[in-house]
Amino acid sequence: MEYQFFDDAFTADIGFKATGDTAEDMITAAANATMKVMVDNPEDIAGVVTKRIQLEASSLELALFDLLGELIFYKDAEELLLRVEHVTLSRQGDRVVLTADAVGEEINRQKHRLVVDVKAVTLHCFKVEETPHGCYATVVLDI
């Protein structure tokens, strides 16, 4: 599982491509990339708080979109930085159910080197692709 940032692709945005052998791995990579945009040292985010984020969406693409939006919401509303450690996907009829186990802590400006303030996930260029060789997502964040 990995992610790669785009250079010079956007002016007030930052984009990345997240990959994984499975959709769950790709989602975890996208969550990690989102946190890396916000915090220079996401590995220093301690697991003081645990959160289980569960959501339903009409597609895998929208489930990823909503999860990344939740991470931004927690950062803004509760000043909580969260690292996604485990993702589970299931289907309920025509709905995708995503469960993410995340750990984190409140923002500590002496400990966490904040980089940019991510405002939202955008639908611009947003795409998820599942292939026999893995799962890929293209994400653009409004900063």
N, C-alpha and C. Protein backbone atom coordinates (compact mmCIF):
# COMPACT_ATOMS: atom_id res chain seq x y z
N MET A 1 0.85 -1.16 0.00
CA MET A 1 0.00 0.00 0.00
C MET A 1 0.90 1.23 0.00
N GLU A 2 0.55 2.19 -0.84
CA GLU A 2 1.38 3.38 -0.92
C GLU A 2 0.58 4.53 -1.49
N TYR A 3 1.18 5.72 -1.47
CA TYR A 3 0.56 6.87 -2.10
C TYR A 3 1.65 7.72 -2.71
N GLN A 4 1.26 8.50 -3.73
CA GLN A 4 2.21 9.34 -4.47
C GLN A 4 1.53 10.68 -4.73
N PHE A 5 2.21 11.79 -4.41
CA PHE A 5 1.65 13.12 -4.61
C PHE A 5 1.94 13.60 -6.03
N PHE A 6 1.02 14.43 -6.56
CA PHE A 6 1.20 15.04 -7.86
C PHE A 6 1.96 16.34 -7.69
N ASP A 7 2.87 16.63 -8.58
CA ASP A 7 3.58 17.91 -8.58
C ASP A 7 2.92 18.84 -9.59
N ASP A 8 2.71 20.10 -9.19
CA ASP A 8 2.25 21.15 -10.10
C ASP A 8 0.91 20.88 -10.78
N ALA A 9 0.07 20.03 -10.22
CA ALA A 9 -1.19 19.71 -10.89
C ALA A 9 -2.30 20.67 -10.52
N PHE A 10 -2.24 21.25 -9.35
CA PHE A 10 -3.33 22.07 -8.86
C PHE A 10 -2.76 23.28 -8.14
N THR A 11 -3.51 24.39 -8.12
CA THR A 11 -3.00 25.59 -7.47
C THR A 11 -3.44 25.69 -6.01
N ALA A 12 -4.74 25.68 -5.73
CA ALA A 12 -5.23 25.78 -4.35
C ALA A 12 -5.63 24.40 -3.82
N ASP A 13 -5.17 23.38 -4.48
CA ASP A 13 -5.50 22.01 -4.11
C ASP A 13 -4.22 21.18 -4.09
N ILE A 14 -4.33 20.02 -3.49
CA ILE A 14 -3.25 19.05 -3.57
C ILE A 14 -3.87 17.71 -3.90
N GLY A 15 -3.25 17.00 -4.82
CA GLY A 15 -3.79 15.72 -5.26
C GLY A 15 -2.82 14.60 -5.00
N PHE A 16 -3.38 13.41 -4.87
CA PHE A 16 -2.55 12.22 -4.72
C PHE A 16 -3.25 11.01 -5.30
N LYS A 17 -2.47 9.99 -5.54
CA LYS A 17 -2.99 8.70 -5.99
C LYS A 17 -2.66 7.70 -4.91
N ALA A 18 -3.65 6.99 -4.41
CA ALA A 18 -3.46 5.96 -3.39
C ALA A 18 -3.67 4.60 -4.03
N THR A 19 -2.83 3.65 -3.64
CA THR A 19 -2.93 2.31 -4.22
C THR A 19 -2.91 1.27 -3.11
N GLY A 20 -3.40 0.10 -3.45
CA GLY A 20 -3.35 -1.01 -2.52
C GLY A 20 -3.69 -2.30 -3.22
N ASP A 21 -3.26 -3.39 -2.64
CA ASP A 21 -3.60 -4.70 -3.21
C ASP A 21 -5.10 -4.95 -3.13
N THR A 22 -5.74 -4.39 -2.10
CA THR A 22 -7.19 -4.52 -1.91
C THR A 22 -7.79 -3.13 -1.76
N ALA A 23 -9.10 -3.07 -1.83
CA ALA A 23 -9.78 -1.78 -1.63
C ALA A 23 -9.53 -1.26 -0.22
N GLU A 24 -9.49 -2.17 0.75
CA GLU A 24 -9.22 -1.75 2.13
C GLU A 24 -7.83 -1.14 2.27
N ASP A 25 -6.84 -1.74 1.62
CA ASP A 25 -5.47 -1.19 1.65
C ASP A 25 -5.42 0.18 0.98
N MET A 26 -6.12 0.33 -0.14
CA MET A 26 -6.14 1.60 -0.84
C MET A 26 -6.78 2.69 0.02
N ILE A 27 -7.87 2.35 0.70
CA ILE A 27 -8.55 3.32 1.55
C ILE A 27 -7.64 3.75 2.70
N THR A 28 -6.94 2.79 3.29
CA THR A 28 -5.99 3.11 4.37
C THR A 28 -4.89 4.03 3.85
N ALA A 29 -4.38 3.74 2.66
CA ALA A 29 -3.34 4.59 2.06
C ALA A 29 -3.87 6.00 1.81
N ALA A 30 -5.11 6.12 1.33
CA ALA A 30 -5.69 7.44 1.07
C ALA A 30 -5.87 8.22 2.38
N ALA A 31 -6.28 7.53 3.43
CA ALA A 31 -6.41 8.18 4.74
C ALA A 31 -5.05 8.65 5.24
N ASN A 32 -4.02 7.81 5.06
CA ASN A 32 -2.66 8.19 5.46
C ASN A 32 -2.17 9.39 4.67
N ALA A 33 -2.44 9.41 3.38
CA ALA A 33 -2.02 10.55 2.55
C ALA A 33 -2.72 11.82 2.97
N THR A 34 -4.00 11.73 3.28
CA THR A 34 -4.76 12.90 3.73
C THR A 34 -4.16 13.46 5.01
N MET A 35 -3.82 12.58 5.94
CA MET A 35 -3.21 13.03 7.19
C MET A 35 -1.84 13.63 6.92
N LYS A 36 -1.07 13.05 5.99
CA LYS A 36 0.26 13.57 5.67
C LYS A 36 0.18 14.97 5.06
N VAL A 37 -0.90 15.28 4.36
CA VAL A 37 -1.08 16.63 3.82
C VAL A 37 -1.24 17.62 4.97
N MET A 38 -1.93 17.19 6.03
CA MET A 38 -2.22 18.09 7.15
C MET A 38 -1.08 18.18 8.16
N VAL A 39 -0.38 17.06 8.38
CA VAL A 39 0.61 16.97 9.45
C VAL A 39 1.91 16.43 8.85
N ASP A 40 3.01 17.14 9.09
CA ASP A 40 4.30 16.73 8.55
C ASP A 40 4.78 15.40 9.13
N ASN A 41 4.38 15.11 10.36
CA ASN A 41 4.86 13.93 11.06
C ASN A 41 3.70 13.08 11.59
N PRO A 42 2.87 12.51 10.70
CA PRO A 42 1.71 11.75 11.17
C PRO A 42 2.09 10.52 12.01
N GLU A 43 3.31 10.04 11.85
CA GLU A 43 3.75 8.89 12.65
C GLU A 43 3.87 9.26 14.14
N ASP A 44 3.91 10.54 14.46
CA ASP A 44 3.98 10.99 15.85
C ASP A 44 2.60 11.15 16.49
N ILE A 45 1.54 10.88 15.74
CA ILE A 45 0.19 10.94 16.31
C ILE A 45 0.00 9.70 17.17
N ALA A 46 -0.12 9.92 18.47
CA ALA A 46 -0.26 8.81 19.42
C ALA A 46 -1.69 8.27 19.40
N GLY A 47 -1.82 7.02 19.77
CA GLY A 47 -3.12 6.38 19.82
C GLY A 47 -3.82 6.56 21.15
N VAL A 48 -4.02 7.80 21.56
CA VAL A 48 -4.65 8.12 22.84
C VAL A 48 -6.17 7.89 22.77
N VAL A 49 -6.76 8.24 21.62
CA VAL A 49 -8.20 8.14 21.40
C VAL A 49 -8.44 7.11 20.30
N THR A 50 -9.47 6.31 20.46
CA THR A 50 -9.87 5.40 19.38
C THR A 50 -11.25 5.79 18.89
N LYS A 51 -11.43 5.71 17.61
CA LYS A 51 -12.73 6.02 16.99
C LYS A 51 -13.04 4.93 15.99
N ARG A 52 -14.26 4.49 16.00
CA ARG A 52 -14.75 3.60 14.95
C ARG A 52 -15.67 4.44 14.08
N ILE A 53 -15.30 4.56 12.82
CA ILE A 53 -16.09 5.34 11.87
C ILE A 53 -16.81 4.35 10.97
N GLN A 54 -18.13 4.40 10.99
CA GLN A 54 -18.91 3.50 10.14
C GLN A 54 -19.84 4.34 9.29
N LEU A 55 -19.85 4.05 8.00
CA LEU A 55 -20.71 4.80 7.10
C LEU A 55 -21.18 3.92 5.97
N GLU A 56 -22.25 4.34 5.36
CA GLU A 56 -22.81 3.66 4.19
C GLU A 56 -22.80 4.60 3.01
N ALA A 57 -22.59 4.03 1.84
CA ALA A 57 -22.60 4.84 0.62
C ALA A 57 -23.10 3.98 -0.53
N SER A 58 -23.42 4.63 -1.61
CA SER A 58 -23.93 3.90 -2.78
C SER A 58 -22.83 3.27 -3.61
N SER A 59 -21.55 3.62 -3.33
CA SER A 59 -20.44 3.06 -4.09
C SER A 59 -19.17 3.10 -3.24
N LEU A 60 -18.19 2.34 -3.66
CA LEU A 60 -16.88 2.36 -3.00
C LEU A 60 -16.28 3.76 -3.10
N GLU A 61 -16.43 4.38 -4.23
CA GLU A 61 -15.90 5.72 -4.45
C GLU A 61 -16.46 6.71 -3.43
N LEU A 62 -17.78 6.69 -3.24
CA LEU A 62 -18.39 7.63 -2.29
C LEU A 62 -18.09 7.26 -0.85
N ALA A 63 -17.88 5.97 -0.57
CA ALA A 63 -17.48 5.57 0.79
C ALA A 63 -16.12 6.15 1.12
N LEU A 64 -15.17 6.09 0.19
CA LEU A 64 -13.86 6.69 0.40
C LEU A 64 -13.99 8.20 0.58
N PHE A 65 -14.75 8.83 -0.28
CA PHE A 65 -14.97 10.28 -0.21
C PHE A 65 -15.49 10.67 1.18
N ASP A 66 -16.49 9.93 1.66
CA ASP A 66 -17.10 10.23 2.96
C ASP A 66 -16.12 10.00 4.12
N LEU A 67 -15.33 8.93 4.04
CA LEU A 67 -14.36 8.66 5.11
C LEU A 67 -13.34 9.79 5.21
N LEU A 68 -12.80 10.21 4.09
CA LEU A 68 -11.82 11.30 4.12
C LEU A 68 -12.46 12.58 4.65
N GLY A 69 -13.70 12.81 4.30
CA GLY A 69 -14.43 13.95 4.85
C GLY A 69 -14.59 13.87 6.36
N GLU A 70 -14.80 12.66 6.88
CA GLU A 70 -14.91 12.47 8.33
C GLU A 70 -13.59 12.80 9.03
N LEU A 71 -12.48 12.40 8.45
CA LEU A 71 -11.17 12.71 9.05
C LEU A 71 -10.96 14.22 9.12
N ILE A 72 -11.37 14.92 8.07
CA ILE A 72 -11.25 16.38 8.06
C ILE A 72 -12.22 16.99 9.09
N PHE A 73 -13.42 16.43 9.20
CA PHE A 73 -14.39 16.91 10.18
C PHE A 73 -13.84 16.79 11.60
N TYR A 74 -13.27 15.63 11.96
CA TYR A 74 -12.72 15.45 13.30
C TYR A 74 -11.60 16.45 13.57
N LYS A 75 -10.78 16.72 12.56
CA LYS A 75 -9.70 17.70 12.72
C LYS A 75 -10.27 19.09 12.99
N ASP A 76 -11.32 19.46 12.28
CA ASP A 76 -11.90 20.79 12.43
C ASP A 76 -12.79 20.91 13.67
N ALA A 77 -13.67 19.96 13.90
CA ALA A 77 -14.68 20.07 14.95
C ALA A 77 -14.15 19.73 16.33
N GLU A 78 -13.24 18.75 16.40
CA GLU A 78 -12.75 18.29 17.70
C GLU A 78 -11.24 18.48 17.88
N GLU A 79 -10.60 19.10 16.88
CA GLU A 79 -9.14 19.24 16.87
C GLU A 79 -8.47 17.91 17.15
N LEU A 80 -8.96 16.88 16.46
CA LEU A 80 -8.51 15.51 16.65
C LEU A 80 -7.87 15.01 15.37
N LEU A 81 -6.62 14.57 15.48
CA LEU A 81 -5.92 13.97 14.35
C LEU A 81 -6.07 12.46 14.46
N LEU A 82 -6.53 11.81 13.38
CA LEU A 82 -6.77 10.38 13.41
C LEU A 82 -6.01 9.66 12.31
N ARG A 83 -5.38 8.56 12.69
CA ARG A 83 -4.74 7.65 11.74
C ARG A 83 -5.62 6.42 11.59
N VAL A 84 -6.00 6.09 10.39
CA VAL A 84 -6.80 4.89 10.13
C VAL A 84 -5.88 3.68 10.15
N GLU A 85 -6.21 2.74 11.02
CA GLU A 85 -5.37 1.54 11.15
C GLU A 85 -5.96 0.32 10.46
N HIS A 86 -7.28 0.26 10.37
CA HIS A 86 -7.91 -0.93 9.80
C HIS A 86 -9.23 -0.53 9.14
N VAL A 87 -9.47 -1.08 7.97
CA VAL A 87 -10.71 -0.81 7.23
C VAL A 87 -11.36 -2.14 6.87
N THR A 88 -12.67 -2.19 7.04
CA THR A 88 -13.46 -3.34 6.62
C THR A 88 -14.55 -2.85 5.69
N LEU A 89 -14.76 -3.56 4.60
CA LEU A 89 -15.81 -3.24 3.65
C LEU A 89 -16.78 -4.41 3.58
N SER A 90 -18.06 -4.09 3.45
CA SER A 90 -19.07 -5.13 3.23
C SER A 90 -20.18 -4.51 2.39
N ARG A 91 -21.08 -5.35 1.96
CA ARG A 91 -22.23 -4.91 1.16
C ARG A 91 -23.51 -5.23 1.91
N GLN A 92 -24.43 -4.29 1.88
CA GLN A 92 -25.78 -4.50 2.37
C GLN A 92 -26.70 -4.12 1.23
N GLY A 93 -27.13 -5.12 0.50
CA GLY A 93 -27.92 -4.85 -0.70
C GLY A 93 -27.07 -4.12 -1.71
N ASP A 94 -27.52 -2.96 -2.13
CA ASP A 94 -26.76 -2.17 -3.11
C ASP A 94 -25.90 -1.10 -2.44
N ARG A 95 -25.73 -1.18 -1.12
CA ARG A 95 -24.95 -0.20 -0.36
C ARG A 95 -23.60 -0.78 0.04
N VAL A 96 -22.60 0.07 0.08
CA VAL A 96 -21.27 -0.28 0.60
C VAL A 96 -21.20 0.20 2.04
N VAL A 97 -20.82 -0.70 2.94
CA VAL A 97 -20.65 -0.34 4.34
C VAL A 97 -19.15 -0.33 4.63
N LEU A 98 -18.66 0.80 5.08
CA LEU A 98 -17.24 0.96 5.39
C LEU A 98 -17.12 1.17 6.90
N THR A 99 -16.26 0.36 7.52
CA THR A 99 -15.95 0.53 8.93
C THR A 99 -14.45 0.76 9.04
N ALA A 100 -14.07 1.87 9.67
CA ALA A 100 -12.66 2.22 9.83
C ALA A 100 -12.35 2.36 11.31
N ASP A 101 -11.33 1.66 11.75
CA ASP A 101 -10.84 1.81 13.11
C ASP A 101 -9.67 2.78 13.06
N ALA A 102 -9.81 3.87 13.81
CA ALA A 102 -8.80 4.93 13.79
C ALA A 102 -8.32 5.23 15.21
N VAL A 103 -7.08 5.65 15.30
CA VAL A 103 -6.52 6.08 16.58
C VAL A 103 -5.92 7.47 16.38
N GLY A 104 -5.84 8.22 17.47
CA GLY A 104 -5.27 9.54 17.34
C GLY A 104 -5.23 10.29 18.65
N GLU A 105 -5.05 11.58 18.51
CA GLU A 105 -4.98 12.45 19.69
C GLU A 105 -5.32 13.87 19.27
N GLU A 106 -5.57 14.70 20.29
CA GLU A 106 -5.85 16.11 20.02
C GLU A 106 -4.61 16.78 19.44
N ILE A 107 -4.85 17.79 18.63
CA ILE A 107 -3.74 18.53 18.02
C ILE A 107 -2.91 19.17 19.13
N ASN A 108 -1.61 18.95 19.06
CA ASN A 108 -0.66 19.56 19.98
C ASN A 108 0.37 20.27 19.09
N ARG A 109 0.28 21.58 19.01
CA ARG A 109 1.11 22.33 18.08
C ARG A 109 2.60 22.26 18.39
N GLN A 110 2.97 21.87 19.60
CA GLN A 110 4.39 21.67 19.92
C GLN A 110 4.86 20.30 19.40
N LYS A 111 3.97 19.35 19.32
CA LYS A 111 4.32 18.00 18.90
C LYS A 111 4.06 17.76 17.42
N HIS A 112 2.92 18.21 16.93
CA HIS A 112 2.52 17.96 15.54
C HIS A 112 2.86 19.16 14.68
N ARG A 113 3.70 18.94 13.70
CA ARG A 113 4.06 20.00 12.77
C ARG A 113 2.97 20.10 11.69
N LEU A 114 2.04 21.05 11.87
CA LEU A 114 0.94 21.21 10.93
C LEU A 114 1.47 21.83 9.64
N VAL A 115 1.03 21.30 8.52
CA VAL A 115 1.53 21.75 7.22
C VAL A 115 0.52 22.71 6.58
N VAL A 116 -0.61 22.19 6.15
CA VAL A 116 -1.67 23.02 5.56
C VAL A 116 -3.00 22.59 6.17
N ASP A 117 -3.95 23.49 6.07
CA ASP A 117 -5.29 23.21 6.58
C ASP A 117 -6.14 22.69 5.43
N VAL A 118 -6.44 21.41 5.45
CA VAL A 118 -7.30 20.82 4.43
C VAL A 118 -8.74 21.22 4.75
N LYS A 119 -9.41 21.80 3.77
CA LYS A 119 -10.78 22.24 3.97
C LYS A 119 -11.80 21.17 3.60
N ALA A 120 -11.50 20.42 2.51
CA ALA A 120 -12.48 19.44 2.04
C ALA A 120 -11.86 18.52 1.01
N VAL A 121 -12.53 17.42 0.80
CA VAL A 121 -12.23 16.53 -0.33
C VAL A 121 -13.06 17.07 -1.49
N THR A 122 -12.50 17.08 -2.68
CA THR A 122 -13.26 17.57 -3.83
C THR A 122 -13.61 16.40 -4.75
N LEU A 123 -14.61 16.61 -5.57
CA LEU A 123 -14.97 15.61 -6.58
C LEU A 123 -14.17 15.80 -7.87
N HIS A 124 -13.40 16.90 -7.93
CA HIS A 124 -12.58 17.16 -9.11
C HIS A 124 -11.55 16.04 -9.27
N CYS A 125 -11.59 15.34 -10.35
CA CYS A 125 -10.67 14.23 -10.68
C CYS A 125 -10.80 13.04 -9.73
N PHE A 126 -11.77 13.05 -8.82
CA PHE A 126 -11.93 11.96 -7.85
C PHE A 126 -12.34 10.69 -8.57
N LYS A 127 -11.60 9.61 -8.30
CA LYS A 127 -11.87 8.37 -9.02
C LYS A 127 -11.33 7.19 -8.22
N VAL A 128 -12.07 6.10 -8.23
CA VAL A 128 -11.61 4.83 -7.66
C VAL A 128 -11.71 3.78 -8.75
N GLU A 129 -10.66 2.99 -8.88
CA GLU A 129 -10.63 1.95 -9.89
C GLU A 129 -10.18 0.64 -9.26
N GLU A 130 -10.98 -0.41 -9.42
CA GLU A 130 -10.61 -1.74 -8.95
C GLU A 130 -10.21 -2.57 -10.16
N THR A 131 -9.04 -3.19 -10.08
CA THR A 131 -8.56 -4.05 -11.16
C THR A 131 -8.12 -5.39 -10.56
N PRO A 132 -7.85 -6.37 -11.38
CA PRO A 132 -7.34 -7.64 -10.85
C PRO A 132 -5.97 -7.48 -10.18
N HIS A 133 -5.28 -6.38 -10.45
CA HIS A 133 -3.94 -6.15 -9.91
C HIS A 133 -3.92 -5.22 -8.70
N GLY A 134 -5.09 -4.74 -8.28
CA GLY A 134 -5.13 -3.85 -7.12
C GLY A 134 -6.21 -2.80 -7.27
N CYS A 135 -6.22 -1.92 -6.32
CA CYS A 135 -7.23 -0.86 -6.27
C CYS A 135 -6.50 0.49 -6.24
N TYR A 136 -7.05 1.46 -6.97
CA TYR A 136 -6.41 2.76 -7.13
C TYR A 136 -7.42 3.87 -6.91
N ALA A 137 -6.98 4.95 -6.29
CA ALA A 137 -7.83 6.12 -6.11
C ALA A 137 -7.05 7.38 -6.45
N THR A 138 -7.71 8.30 -7.09
CA THR A 138 -7.18 9.63 -7.34
C THR A 138 -8.01 10.59 -6.50
N VAL A 139 -7.33 11.37 -5.67
CA VAL A 139 -8.02 12.26 -4.72
C VAL A 139 -7.41 13.66 -4.82
N VAL A 140 -8.27 14.67 -4.79
CA VAL A 140 -7.84 16.05 -4.75
C VAL A 140 -8.46 16.69 -3.50
N LEU A 141 -7.60 17.31 -2.69
CA LEU A 141 -8.03 17.96 -1.45
C LEU A 141 -7.96 19.48 -1.64
N ASP A 142 -8.98 20.17 -1.17
CA ASP A 142 -9.01 21.63 -1.19
C ASP A 142 -8.25 22.13 0.03
N ILE A 143 -7.20 22.93 -0.21
CA ILE A 143 -6.39 23.44 0.92
C ILE A 143 -6.47 24.95 0.98
